[in-house]
C-alpha atoms as a PDB file:
ATOM      1  CA  MET A   1     114.589  87.708 111.230  1.00  0.00           C
ATOM      2  CA  HIS A   2     115.756  89.728 108.448  1.00  0.00           C
ATOM      3  CA  PHE A   3     114.848  89.124 104.629  1.00  0.00           C
ATOM      4  CA  LEU A   4     117.325  90.596 102.156  1.00  0.00           C
ATOM      5  CA  GLY A   5     116.831  90.343  98.338  1.00  0.00           C
ATOM      6  CA  PRO A   6     115.833  92.102  95.186  1.00  0.00           C
ATOM      7  CA  PRO A   7     112.294  93.460  94.611  1.00  0.00           C
ATOM      8  CA  GLY A   8     109.615  91.202  93.890  1.00  0.00           C
ATOM      9  CA  THR A   9     111.139  88.006  95.565  1.00  0.00           C
ATOM     10  CA  GLY A  10     108.649  87.393  98.472  1.00  0.00           C
ATOM     11  CA  LYS A  11     110.140  89.266 101.240  1.00  0.00           C
ATOM     12  CA  THR A  12     107.104  91.340 102.269  1.00  0.00           C
ATOM     13  CA  HIS A  13     104.977  88.182 101.756  1.00  0.00           C
ATOM     14  CA  LEU A  14     107.091  86.070 104.170  1.00  0.00           C
ATOM     15  CA  ALA A  15     107.152  88.757 106.838  1.00  0.00           C
ATOM     16  CA  THR A  16     103.304  89.179 106.554  1.00  0.00           C
ATOM     17  CA  ALA A  17     102.955  85.601 106.809  1.00  0.00           C
ATOM     18  CA  LEU A  18     105.157  85.413 109.891  1.00  0.00           C
ATOM     19  CA  GLY A  19     103.037  88.200 111.433  1.00  0.00           C
ATOM     20  CA  VAL A  20      99.772  86.590 110.621  1.00  0.00           C
ATOM     21  CA  ALA A  21     101.121  83.414 112.394  1.00  0.00           C
ATOM     22  CA  ALA A  22     102.039  85.577 115.430  1.00  0.00           C
ATOM     23  CA  VAL A  23      98.694  87.078 115.780  1.00  0.00           C
ATOM     24  CA  LYS A  24      97.094  83.677 115.476  1.00  0.00           C
ATOM     25  CA  ALA A  25      99.368  82.706 118.319  1.00  0.00           C
ATOM     26  CA  GLY A  26      98.050  85.560 120.443  1.00  0.00           C
ATOM     27  CA  LYS A  27     100.932  88.158 119.996  1.00  0.00           C
ATOM     28  CA  SER A  28     100.615  91.635 119.265  1.00  0.00           C
ATOM     29  CA  VAL A  29     102.078  93.032 115.958  1.00  0.00           C
ATOM     30  CA  TYR A  30     102.803  96.135 114.235  1.00  0.00           C
ATOM     31  CA  PHE A  31     103.599  96.221 110.518  1.00  0.00           C
ATOM     32  CA  GLY A  32     104.692  99.231 108.664  1.00  0.00           C
ATOM     33  CA  ALA A  33     106.997 100.483 106.064  1.00  0.00           C
ATOM     34  CA  LEU A  34     110.157 102.224 107.181  1.00  0.00           C
ATOM     35  CA  ALA A  35     109.208 105.566 105.704  1.00  0.00           C
ATOM     36  CA  GLU A  36     105.682 105.214 107.407  1.00  0.00           C
ATOM     37  CA  ILE A  37     107.210 104.335 110.876  1.00  0.00           C
ATOM     38  CA  VAL A  38     109.771 107.368 110.516  1.00  0.00           C
ATOM     39  CA  ALA A  39     107.026 109.703 109.467  1.00  0.00           C
ATOM     40  CA  SER A  40     104.994 108.841 112.569  1.00  0.00           C
ATOM     41  CA  LEU A  41     108.137 109.274 114.760  1.00  0.00           C
ATOM     42  CA  GLU A  42     108.744 112.673 113.208  1.00  0.00           C
ATOM     43  CA  LYS A  43     105.235 113.767 113.612  1.00  0.00           C
ATOM     44  CA  ALA A  44     105.248 112.442 117.304  1.00  0.00           C
ATOM     45  CA  GLU A  45     108.532 114.444 117.823  1.00  0.00           C
ATOM     46  CA  ARG A  46     106.994 117.692 116.339  1.00  0.00           C
ATOM     47  CA  GLU A  47     103.975 117.387 118.736  1.00  0.00           C
ATOM     48  CA  GLY A  48     106.188 116.465 121.820  1.00  0.00           C
ATOM     49  CA  ASN A  49     104.859 112.794 121.911  1.00  0.00           C
ATOM     50  CA  LEU A  50     107.827 111.130 120.785  1.00  0.00           C
ATOM     51  CA  GLN A  51     108.361 108.793 123.881  1.00  0.00           C
ATOM     52  CA  ASN A  52     104.706 107.986 123.847  1.00  0.00           C
ATOM     53  CA  ARG A  53     105.035 106.689 120.264  1.00  0.00           C
ATOM     54  CA  ILE A  54     108.292 104.852 120.891  1.00  0.00           C
ATOM     55  CA  ARG A  55     106.581 103.189 123.953  1.00  0.00           C
ATOM     56  CA  PHE A  56     103.587 102.214 121.560  1.00  0.00           C
ATOM     57  CA  LEU A  57     105.931 100.693 118.967  1.00  0.00           C
ATOM     58  CA  THR A  58     107.859  98.924 121.566  1.00  0.00           C
ATOM     59  CA  ARG A  59     104.802  97.331 123.404  1.00  0.00           C
ATOM     60  CA  ASN A  60     104.135  95.043 120.383  1.00  0.00           C
ATOM     61  CA  ALA A  61     105.453  91.551 120.651  1.00  0.00           C
ATOM     62  CA  LEU A  62     106.614  91.774 116.982  1.00  0.00           C
ATOM     63  CA  LEU A  63     107.487  94.915 114.960  1.00  0.00           C
ATOM     64  CA  ILE A  64     107.746  94.271 111.194  1.00  0.00           C
ATOM     65  CA  VAL A  65     109.590  96.974 109.273  1.00  0.00           C
ATOM     66  CA  ASP A  66     109.200  96.633 105.546  1.00  0.00           C
ATOM     67  CA  GLU A  67     111.107  98.401 102.653  1.00  0.00           C
ATOM     68  CA  ILE A  68     114.105  99.444 104.190  1.00  0.00           C
ATOM     69  CA  GLY A  69     116.264 100.975 101.562  1.00  0.00           C
ATOM     70  CA  TYR A  70     113.462 102.043  99.127  1.00  0.00           C
ATOM     71  CA  LEU A  71     113.477 105.485 100.038  1.00  0.00           C
ATOM     72  CA  PRO A  72     116.274 107.742 101.507  1.00  0.00           C
ATOM     73  CA  LEU A  73     116.068 109.047 105.276  1.00  0.00           C
ATOM     74  CA  THR A  74     116.914 112.486 106.582  1.00  0.00           C
ATOM     75  CA  GLN A  75     119.508 112.330 109.362  1.00  0.00           C
ATOM     76  CA  ASN A  76     116.756 113.116 111.835  1.00  0.00           C
ATOM     77  CA  GLY A  77     114.524 110.149 110.507  1.00  0.00           C
ATOM     78  CA  ALA A  78     117.670 107.844 110.908  1.00  0.00           C
ATOM     79  CA  ASN A  79     118.291 109.172 114.390  1.00  0.00           C
ATOM     80  CA  LEU A  80     114.719 108.469 115.315  1.00  0.00           C
ATOM     81  CA  PHE A  81     114.568 104.911 113.966  1.00  0.00           C
ATOM     82  CA  PHE A  82     117.729 104.376 115.921  1.00  0.00           C
ATOM     83  CA  GLN A  83     115.916 105.336 119.093  1.00  0.00           C
ATOM     84  CA  LEU A  84     113.004 102.976 118.334  1.00  0.00           C
ATOM     85  CA  VAL A  85     115.332 100.245 117.640  1.00  0.00           C
ATOM     86  CA  ASN A  86     117.378 100.838 120.733  1.00  0.00           C
ATOM     87  CA  ALA A  87     114.170 100.987 122.968  1.00  0.00           C
ATOM     88  CA  ARG A  88     113.173  97.555 121.452  1.00  0.00           C
ATOM     89  CA  TYR A  89     116.516  96.170 121.881  1.00  0.00           C
ATOM     90  CA  GLU A  90     116.036  92.692 123.362  1.00  0.00           C
ATOM     91  CA  LYS A  91     112.488  93.498 124.504  1.00  0.00           C
ATOM     92  CA  GLY A  92     110.698  92.243 121.285  1.00  0.00           C
ATOM     93  CA  ALA A  93     111.129  90.805 118.036  1.00  0.00           C
ATOM     94  CA  VAL A  94     111.878  92.548 114.853  1.00  0.00           C
ATOM     95  CA  ILE A  95     111.322  91.387 111.322  1.00  0.00           C
ATOM     96  CA  LEU A  96     113.077  93.617 108.595  1.00  0.00           C
ATOM     97  CA  THR A  97     112.804  93.521 104.740  1.00  0.00           C
ATOM     98  CA  SER A  98     115.193  95.270 102.487  1.00  0.00           C
ATOM     99  CA  ASN A  99     116.385  95.286  98.897  1.00  0.00           C
ATOM    100  CA  ARG A 100     119.629  96.477 100.025  1.00  0.00           C
ATOM    101  CA  SER A 101     122.648  94.801 101.542  1.00  0.00           C
ATOM    102  CA  PHE A 102     123.825  95.722 104.970  1.00  0.00           C
ATOM    103  CA  LYS A 103     127.034  97.214 103.373  1.00  0.00           C
ATOM    104  CA  GLU A 104     124.629  99.750 101.975  1.00  0.00           C
ATOM    105  CA  TRP A 105     122.996 100.830 105.202  1.00  0.00           C
ATOM    106  CA  GLY A 106     125.381 103.685 105.656  1.00  0.00           C
ATOM    107  CA  GLN A 107     123.894 105.254 102.569  1.00  0.00           C
ATOM    108  CA  ILE A 108     120.146 104.511 103.412  1.00  0.00           C
ATOM    109  CA  PHE A 109     120.646 105.987 106.944  1.00  0.00           C
ATOM    110  CA  GLY A 110     123.110 108.662 105.795  1.00  0.00           C
ATOM    111  CA  ASP A 111     125.700 107.926 108.453  1.00  0.00           C
ATOM    112  CA  ASN A 112     127.989 104.961 109.033  1.00  0.00           C
ATOM    113  CA  VAL A 113     127.998 105.314 112.619  1.00  0.00           C
ATOM    114  CA  VAL A 114     124.307 105.368 112.959  1.00  0.00           C
ATOM    115  CA  ALA A 115     123.956 102.291 110.350  1.00  0.00           C
ATOM    116  CA  ALA A 116     126.629 100.293 112.412  1.00  0.00           C
ATOM    117  CA  ALA A 117     124.778 101.054 115.703  1.00  0.00           C
ATOM    118  CA  LEU A 118     121.454  99.782 114.091  1.00  0.00           C
ATOM    119  CA  LEU A 119     123.002  96.656 112.682  1.00  0.00           C
ATOM    120  CA  ASP A 120     124.791  96.012 115.858  1.00  0.00           C
ATOM    121  CA  ARG A 121     121.621  95.814 117.761  1.00  0.00           C
ATOM    122  CA  LEU A 122     119.383  94.244 114.753  1.00  0.00           C
ATOM    123  CA  LEU A 123     121.691  91.408 114.007  1.00  0.00           C
ATOM    124  CA  HIS A 124     122.336  90.342 117.530  1.00  0.00           C
ATOM    125  CA  HIS A 125     120.125  87.119 117.903  1.00  0.00           C
ATOM    126  CA  ALA A 126     118.894  87.517 114.275  1.00  0.00           C
ATOM    127  CA  VAL A 127     118.397  84.956 111.426  1.00  0.00           C
ATOM    128  CA  VAL A 128     119.237  86.554 108.072  1.00  0.00           C
ATOM    129  CA  ILE A 129     117.740  84.944 104.917  1.00  0.00           C
ATOM    130  CA  HIS A 130     119.071  86.204 101.500  1.00  0.00           C
ATOM    131  CA  ILE A 131     116.566  85.724  98.876  1.00  0.00           C
ATOM    132  CA  GLU A 132     117.686  85.387  95.224  1.00  0.00           C
ATOM    133  CA  GLY A 133     115.694  85.380  92.040  1.00  0.00           C
ATOM    134  CA  ASN A 134     113.743  87.412  89.777  1.00  0.00           C
ATOM    135  CA  SER A 135     110.607  89.408  90.542  1.00  0.00           C
ATOM    136  CA  TYR A 136     107.512  87.467  90.832  1.00  0.00           C
ATOM    137  CA  ARG A 137     105.455  90.406  89.844  1.00  0.00           C
ATOM    138  CA  LEU A 138     107.467  90.918  86.572  1.00  0.00           C
ATOM    139  CA  ARG A 139     107.591  87.250  85.424  1.00  0.00           C
ATOM    140  CA  ALA A 140     105.253  87.825  82.616  1.00  0.00           C
ATOM    141  CA  HIS A 141     106.645  91.233  81.515  1.00  0.00           C
ATOM    142  CA  ARG A 142     110.311  90.716  81.707  1.00  0.00           C
ATOM    143  CA  ASN A 143     110.770  91.412  78.215  1.00  0.00           C
ATOM    144  CA  LEU A 144     109.265  94.923  78.469  1.00  0.00           C
ATOM    145  CA  MET A 145     111.870  95.879  80.968  1.00  0.00           C
ATOM    146  CA  PRO A 146     114.762  98.151  79.917  1.00  0.00           C
ATOM    147  CA  GLU A 147     118.062  96.216  79.973  1.00  0.00           C
ATOM    148  CA  ASN A 148     119.508  98.329  82.478  1.00  0.00           C
ATOM    149  CA  LEU A 149     116.732  97.950  84.894  1.00  0.00           C
ATOM    150  CA  ALA A 150     116.063  94.130  84.403  1.00  0.00           C
ATOM    151  CA  PRO A 151     117.658  91.884  87.037  1.00  0.00           C
ATOM    152  CA  PRO A 152     119.881  89.343  85.649  1.00  0.00           C
ATOM    153  CA  GLN A 153     118.108  86.169  84.485  1.00  0.00           C
ATOM    154  CA  ASN A 154     118.543  83.227  86.461  1.00  0.00           C
ATOM    155  CA  THR A 155     120.039  80.814  84.098  1.00  0.00           C
ATOM    156  CA  GLN A 156     121.741  78.507  86.464  1.00  0.00           C
ATOM    157  CA  GLN A 157     120.269  75.076  86.221  1.00  0.00           C
ATOM    158  CA  ASN A 158     120.512  72.352  88.901  1.00  0.00           C
ATOM    159  CA  PRO A 159     122.747  69.497  88.149  1.00  0.00           C
ATOM    160  CA  PRO A 160     121.256  66.160  88.046  1.00  0.00           C
ATOM    161  CA  ARG A 161     121.045  64.619  91.573  1.00  0.00           C
ATOM    162  CA  LYS A 162     123.449  61.753  92.341  1.00  0.00           C
ATOM    163  CA  ARG A 163     121.998  58.660  93.786  1.00  0.00           C
ATOM    164  CA  ARG A 164     123.473  57.698  97.079  1.00  0.00           C
ATOM    165  CA  GLY A 165     123.748  54.075  98.601  1.00  0.00           C
ATOM    166  CA  ARG A 166     124.372  50.931  96.823  1.00  0.00           C
ATOM    167  CA  PRO A 167     123.852  50.981  92.941  1.00  0.00           C
ATOM    168  CA  GLY A 168     120.598  49.816  91.773  1.00  0.00           C
ATOM    169  CA  LYS A 169     120.357  46.258  89.843  1.00  0.00           C
ATOM    170  CA  ASP A 170     120.463  47.969  86.583  1.00  0.00           C
ATOM    171  CA  GLN A 171     123.417  50.140  87.417  1.00  0.00           C
ATOM    172  CA  ALA A 172     125.779  47.449  88.731  1.00  0.00           C
END
């Protein structure tokens, strides 16, 4: 399952809730921001323990990777993350959160080929949920945000619902 949408719309909250539900169901879960996970892989690689770290991250029933797209990755970091995703492929569930569309992943990972290979594995069997709306955290301070940084205001109103079935006695 992958949650995509602007900052502050509840992606991490939903991913965490699913992680808690998995733990309550007796499953093992690892939660980390992409930058944190990649840093741990880079450290393990420097220390000669990369395969052990990948094995550790693949043994959990659920891996939650938060904040994809907030910070750029080095080429090596992108390659290490690919190795992790490839090792987990069809062996365990993955939940991702990102504020960037999949079209932008070539920029995030610094390589369109790596991004395409990641998406090929991550989207197979996946449910993608696009979340729209304004930041929950900024709802009280929207007027303080500079115009160029403020997300567009959600001005769309729902049309009145049409009644289905036979007209009521007062509508006949």
